[in-house]
Amino acid sequence: MLVKIVSFQGNKTVFETSKLMKSAFFGLISLVMVACSAPAKLSESEESVLIQRVSERWKCLEGNDYACAYEYLSPAFRTVFSREMYLNRYISQSDRVLTGVKLVAYDRDAAVASVRVGVMSRPLKNTSSASRAVAVTPSNLSEAWLWDGGKWWYHENP
């Protein structure tokens, strides 16, 4: 709740804005600034920059280099999760190859791009007859990428 505090000092009425109101105001200004810094529609070159960034991250994942992939995570994610915490989340059990990247949608107001990533994967170890029979599996993954500070960042759900 936004509150104005009124106090009386002599013959004057003094209005003091609450900290909550100030925080809400500065939060709103920050969101507007981020949204305004995002392009209204992605040009071919801006889309190319996004696709390049997605491809670079997937090169890290193809090599099972999660320390490298960590560098593509949003700054907000990295302030909460350290590199060590992120690395401890993953133990790769598959070999992956990026087969394609396509921009599906872009929301300027949210500064978010939805990207479809094509990946071929196979188990690193054929531990069962089922994994030997399946061999290579194609899949399409949906990813969200955020525009912040003049760069695209991968958004991972914690």
Protein backbone atom coordinates (compact mmCIF):
# COMPACT_ATOMS: atom_id res chain seq x y z
CA MET A 1 0.00 0.00 0.00
CA LEU A 2 1.34 3.43 -0.90
CA VAL A 3 1.24 5.86 1.99
CA LYS A 4 1.90 9.54 2.46
CA ILE A 5 2.84 10.56 5.95
CA VAL A 6 1.69 13.99 7.06
CA SER A 7 3.30 15.78 9.95
CA PHE A 8 2.74 19.23 11.30
CA GLN A 9 5.67 21.47 12.14
CA GLY A 10 4.56 24.78 13.52
CA ASN A 11 2.23 26.39 10.97
CA LYS A 12 3.48 24.18 8.08
CA THR A 13 2.17 20.83 6.87
CA VAL A 14 4.99 18.54 5.71
CA PHE A 15 4.36 15.57 3.41
CA GLU A 16 6.83 12.70 3.50
CA THR A 17 6.65 9.96 0.89
CA SER A 18 6.97 6.47 2.34
CA LYS A 19 9.93 4.25 1.46
CA LEU A 20 7.53 1.76 -0.12
CA MET A 21 6.19 4.42 -2.47
CA LYS A 22 9.71 5.50 -3.41
CA SER A 23 10.73 1.88 -4.05
CA ALA A 24 7.66 1.28 -6.22
CA PHE A 25 8.37 4.44 -8.19
CA PHE A 26 12.02 3.58 -8.82
CA GLY A 27 11.08 -0.01 -9.72
CA LEU A 28 8.59 1.27 -12.28
CA ILE A 29 11.17 3.66 -13.74
CA SER A 30 13.68 0.79 -14.03
CA LEU A 31 11.18 -1.40 -15.89
CA VAL A 32 10.33 1.43 -18.27
CA MET A 33 14.01 2.04 -18.96
CA VAL A 34 14.67 -1.63 -19.73
CA ALA A 35 11.61 -1.83 -22.00
CA CYS A 36 12.56 1.38 -23.78
CA SER A 37 16.09 0.15 -24.40
CA ALA A 38 14.75 -2.90 -26.23
CA PRO A 39 14.19 -2.48 -29.96
CA ALA A 40 10.52 -2.31 -31.08
CA LYS A 41 11.02 -4.99 -33.71
CA LEU A 42 14.13 -6.98 -34.38
CA SER A 43 15.86 -6.08 -37.62
CA GLU A 44 17.69 -8.77 -39.57
CA SER A 45 21.01 -7.75 -38.01
CA GLU A 46 19.54 -7.70 -34.47
CA GLU A 47 17.98 -11.11 -35.04
CA SER A 48 21.34 -12.31 -36.34
CA VAL A 49 23.02 -11.11 -33.13
CA LEU A 50 20.46 -13.04 -31.07
CA ILE A 51 20.87 -16.21 -33.13
CA GLN A 52 24.65 -15.90 -32.86
CA ARG A 53 24.39 -15.61 -29.07
CA VAL A 54 22.10 -18.66 -28.88
CA SER A 55 24.50 -20.63 -31.10
CA GLU A 56 27.51 -19.65 -28.96
CA ARG A 57 25.76 -20.88 -25.81
CA TRP A 58 24.91 -24.17 -27.51
CA LYS A 59 28.55 -24.62 -28.56
CA CYS A 60 29.33 -24.56 -24.83
CA LEU A 61 26.60 -27.13 -24.16
CA GLU A 62 27.77 -29.36 -27.03
CA GLY A 63 31.13 -29.54 -25.31
CA ASN A 64 29.46 -30.10 -21.91
CA ASP A 65 31.19 -26.88 -20.79
CA TYR A 66 28.71 -25.56 -18.24
CA ALA A 67 31.16 -22.94 -16.96
CA CYS A 68 31.05 -21.43 -20.46
CA ALA A 69 27.25 -21.74 -20.64
CA TYR A 70 26.97 -19.93 -17.29
CA GLU A 71 28.32 -16.77 -18.94
CA TYR A 72 25.18 -16.59 -21.12
CA LEU A 73 22.75 -16.64 -18.18
CA SER A 74 20.97 -13.41 -17.28
CA PRO A 75 22.70 -11.11 -14.80
CA ALA A 76 19.71 -11.51 -12.46
CA PHE A 77 20.13 -15.30 -12.46
CA ARG A 78 23.87 -15.00 -11.84
CA THR A 79 23.34 -12.73 -8.84
CA VAL A 80 21.27 -15.48 -7.20
CA PHE A 81 23.13 -18.58 -8.39
CA SER A 82 26.91 -18.71 -8.26
CA ARG A 83 28.91 -20.50 -10.94
CA GLU A 84 29.53 -23.39 -8.52
CA MET A 85 25.82 -23.75 -7.75
CA TYR A 86 25.05 -23.80 -11.47
CA LEU A 87 27.76 -26.34 -12.26
CA ASN A 88 26.48 -28.66 -9.53
CA ARG A 89 23.03 -28.73 -11.16
CA TYR A 90 24.19 -30.55 -14.28
CA ILE A 91 25.79 -33.85 -15.06
CA SER A 92 25.53 -34.39 -18.77
CA GLN A 93 24.46 -37.84 -19.85
CA SER A 94 24.08 -37.01 -23.54
CA ASP A 95 26.01 -35.85 -26.54
CA ARG A 96 24.25 -32.93 -28.24
CA VAL A 97 24.55 -31.16 -31.57
CA LEU A 98 22.75 -27.93 -32.45
CA THR A 99 20.86 -28.32 -35.72
CA GLY A 100 19.09 -24.98 -35.96
CA VAL A 101 17.93 -21.79 -34.27
CA LYS A 102 14.80 -19.85 -35.15
CA LEU A 103 13.27 -16.72 -33.66
CA VAL A 104 9.63 -17.56 -32.91
CA ALA A 105 8.38 -14.39 -31.20
CA TYR A 106 9.59 -11.12 -29.75
CA ASP A 107 7.86 -9.05 -27.09
CA ARG A 108 9.26 -5.53 -26.98
CA ASP A 109 7.40 -4.56 -23.80
CA ALA A 110 8.87 -7.49 -21.88
CA ALA A 111 12.20 -7.34 -23.81
CA VAL A 112 11.96 -11.12 -24.32
CA ALA A 113 12.55 -13.22 -27.41
CA SER A 114 11.25 -16.76 -27.77
CA VAL A 115 13.62 -18.99 -29.70
CA ARG A 116 13.18 -22.53 -31.00
CA VAL A 117 16.34 -24.60 -30.90
CA GLY A 118 16.77 -27.83 -32.84
CA VAL A 119 19.04 -30.37 -31.18
CA MET A 120 20.15 -33.91 -32.00
CA SER A 121 21.15 -35.89 -28.94
CA ARG A 122 22.31 -39.36 -28.04
CA PRO A 123 23.33 -40.95 -24.74
CA LEU A 124 27.03 -40.74 -23.92
CA LYS A 125 26.92 -44.28 -22.59
CA ASN A 126 24.74 -47.02 -24.02
CA THR A 127 23.78 -48.41 -20.65
CA SER A 128 20.72 -50.28 -21.84
CA SER A 129 19.44 -51.99 -24.95
CA ALA A 130 16.81 -49.26 -25.18
CA SER A 131 19.44 -46.51 -25.34
CA ARG A 132 21.32 -48.45 -28.03
CA ALA A 133 18.11 -48.87 -30.03
CA VAL A 134 17.11 -45.21 -29.81
CA ALA A 135 20.51 -43.94 -30.94
CA VAL A 136 20.11 -40.29 -32.03
CA THR A 137 17.03 -38.34 -30.95
CA PRO A 138 15.97 -35.05 -32.56
CA SER A 139 14.18 -32.51 -30.41
CA ASN A 140 12.96 -28.93 -30.56
CA LEU A 141 13.40 -26.86 -27.43
CA SER A 142 11.86 -23.49 -26.60
CA GLU A 143 14.10 -20.94 -24.95
CA ALA A 144 13.50 -17.44 -23.61
CA TRP A 145 16.17 -14.79 -24.11
CA LEU A 146 16.10 -11.43 -22.31
CA TRP A 147 17.41 -8.13 -23.63
CA ASP A 148 19.31 -6.35 -20.86
CA GLY A 149 22.21 -3.92 -20.90
CA GLY A 150 22.58 -4.09 -24.68
CA LYS A 151 22.94 -7.89 -24.76
CA TRP A 152 20.83 -11.02 -25.04
CA TRP A 153 20.82 -13.30 -22.00
CA TYR A 154 19.44 -16.81 -21.65
CA HIS A 155 16.64 -17.07 -19.10
CA GLU A 156 16.76 -20.27 -17.12
CA ASN A 157 14.06 -21.19 -14.66
CA PRO A 158 15.67 -21.93 -11.30
